[in-house]
């Protein structure tokens, strides 16, 4: 039994030593994180696109006012129509969280 404990401790020590030796070998990262694509490829929206987004936002806000936000909002027939018309950029995160069930 004592030998098993000693071999267990030896293997833990060996793993820790291996980790430290690998850490010293990797002084520089092999990759660098890339900035988000939306910052690399910025889109200039025309006033027409901005106006459409605002109209969609107002329709969604009216829906939220009537049916609420969160899980209850996607149990209506109106939500299908709104989704087909498009989800405004400012609301995409909230709608995605609600529809995926994480919110």
Protein backbone atom coordinates (compact mmCIF):
# COMPACT_ATOMS: atom_id res chain seq x y z
CA UNK A 1 0.00 0.00 0.00
CA UNK A 2 2.82 2.37 0.90
CA UNK A 3 4.42 1.72 -2.50
CA UNK A 4 1.21 2.76 -4.30
CA UNK A 5 1.14 6.05 -2.41
CA UNK A 6 4.77 6.68 -3.24
CA UNK A 7 4.26 5.90 -6.94
CA UNK A 8 1.15 8.11 -6.95
CA UNK A 9 3.11 10.98 -5.47
CA UNK A 10 5.94 10.36 -7.88
CA UNK A 11 3.60 10.51 -10.87
CA UNK A 12 2.01 13.75 -9.62
CA UNK A 13 5.45 15.27 -9.14
CA UNK A 14 6.50 14.09 -12.59
CA UNK A 15 3.43 15.67 -14.18
CA UNK A 16 4.02 18.96 -12.36
CA UNK A 17 7.67 19.01 -13.42
CA UNK A 18 6.65 18.25 -17.01
CA UNK A 19 4.13 21.09 -16.97
CA UNK A 20 6.72 23.57 -15.71
CA UNK A 21 9.26 22.44 -18.29
CA UNK A 22 6.70 22.84 -21.09
CA UNK A 23 5.78 26.26 -19.77
CA UNK A 24 9.36 27.45 -20.02
CA UNK A 25 9.62 26.08 -23.58
CA UNK A 26 6.58 28.04 -24.71
CA UNK A 27 7.78 31.55 -23.97
CA UNK A 28 5.94 33.02 -26.95
CA UNK A 29 2.46 31.95 -27.94
CA UNK A 30 2.20 29.99 -31.16
CA UNK A 31 -0.79 32.07 -32.25
CA UNK A 32 -2.15 35.51 -31.63
CA UNK A 33 -5.84 36.19 -31.25
CA UNK A 34 -7.51 37.89 -34.18
CA UNK A 35 -9.79 40.87 -33.60
CA UNK A 36 -13.51 40.35 -34.26
CA UNK A 37 -14.46 40.28 -37.93
CA UNK A 38 -16.93 43.09 -37.45
CA UNK A 39 -14.02 45.37 -36.55
CA UNK A 40 -11.91 44.17 -39.48
CA UNK A 41 -14.67 44.52 -42.07
CA UNK A 42 -16.70 47.53 -41.08
CA UNK A 43 -19.87 48.11 -43.02
CA UNK A 44 -21.10 51.60 -43.72
CA UNK A 45 -24.87 51.45 -43.65
CA UNK A 46 -26.88 53.74 -45.85
CA UNK A 47 -29.68 55.85 -44.41
CA UNK A 48 -32.18 53.47 -46.03
CA UNK A 49 -30.77 50.47 -44.15
CA UNK A 50 -30.69 52.43 -40.89
CA UNK A 51 -34.33 53.46 -41.37
CA UNK A 52 -35.36 49.84 -42.00
CA UNK A 53 -33.55 48.76 -38.84
CA UNK A 54 -35.38 51.42 -36.84
CA UNK A 55 -38.77 50.29 -38.20
CA UNK A 56 -37.97 46.68 -37.32
CA UNK A 57 -36.91 47.73 -33.82
CA UNK A 58 -40.20 49.57 -33.30
CA UNK A 59 -42.19 46.52 -34.41
CA UNK A 60 -40.22 44.31 -32.03
CA UNK A 61 -40.64 46.78 -29.17
CA UNK A 62 -44.41 46.83 -29.78
CA UNK A 63 -44.40 43.04 -29.64
CA UNK A 64 -42.40 43.09 -26.41
CA UNK A 65 -44.81 45.62 -24.91
CA UNK A 66 -47.79 43.40 -25.69
CA UNK A 67 -46.41 39.91 -25.02
CA UNK A 68 -43.40 40.56 -22.81
CA UNK A 69 -39.76 39.69 -23.22
CA UNK A 70 -38.10 36.35 -22.71
CA UNK A 71 -39.59 32.91 -23.14
CA UNK A 72 -43.20 34.06 -23.51
CA UNK A 73 -42.50 36.11 -26.63
CA UNK A 74 -41.91 33.20 -28.99
CA UNK A 75 -45.16 31.42 -28.21
CA UNK A 76 -47.13 33.69 -30.49
CA UNK A 77 -47.87 33.61 -34.21
CA UNK A 78 -46.68 37.20 -34.54
CA UNK A 79 -43.12 36.21 -33.70
CA UNK A 80 -42.84 34.11 -36.87
CA UNK A 81 -43.73 37.12 -38.96
CA UNK A 82 -41.25 39.32 -37.12
CA UNK A 83 -38.44 36.80 -37.50
CA UNK A 84 -39.14 36.46 -41.23
CA UNK A 85 -39.02 40.25 -41.59
CA UNK A 86 -35.68 40.26 -39.81
CA UNK A 87 -34.29 40.73 -36.33
CA UNK A 88 -32.72 44.15 -35.79
CA UNK A 89 -29.03 44.12 -35.00
CA UNK A 90 -29.52 45.73 -31.59
CA UNK A 91 -31.93 42.98 -30.51
CA UNK A 92 -30.18 39.93 -31.96
CA UNK A 93 -28.35 39.03 -28.75
CA UNK A 94 -31.48 39.22 -26.60
CA UNK A 95 -33.65 37.32 -29.08
CA UNK A 96 -31.01 34.63 -29.58
CA UNK A 97 -30.67 34.11 -25.83
CA UNK A 98 -34.45 33.84 -25.44
CA UNK A 99 -34.93 31.45 -28.36
CA UNK A 100 -32.01 29.23 -27.39
CA UNK A 101 -33.35 28.89 -23.86
CA UNK A 102 -30.32 30.32 -22.09
CA UNK A 103 -32.06 33.46 -20.88
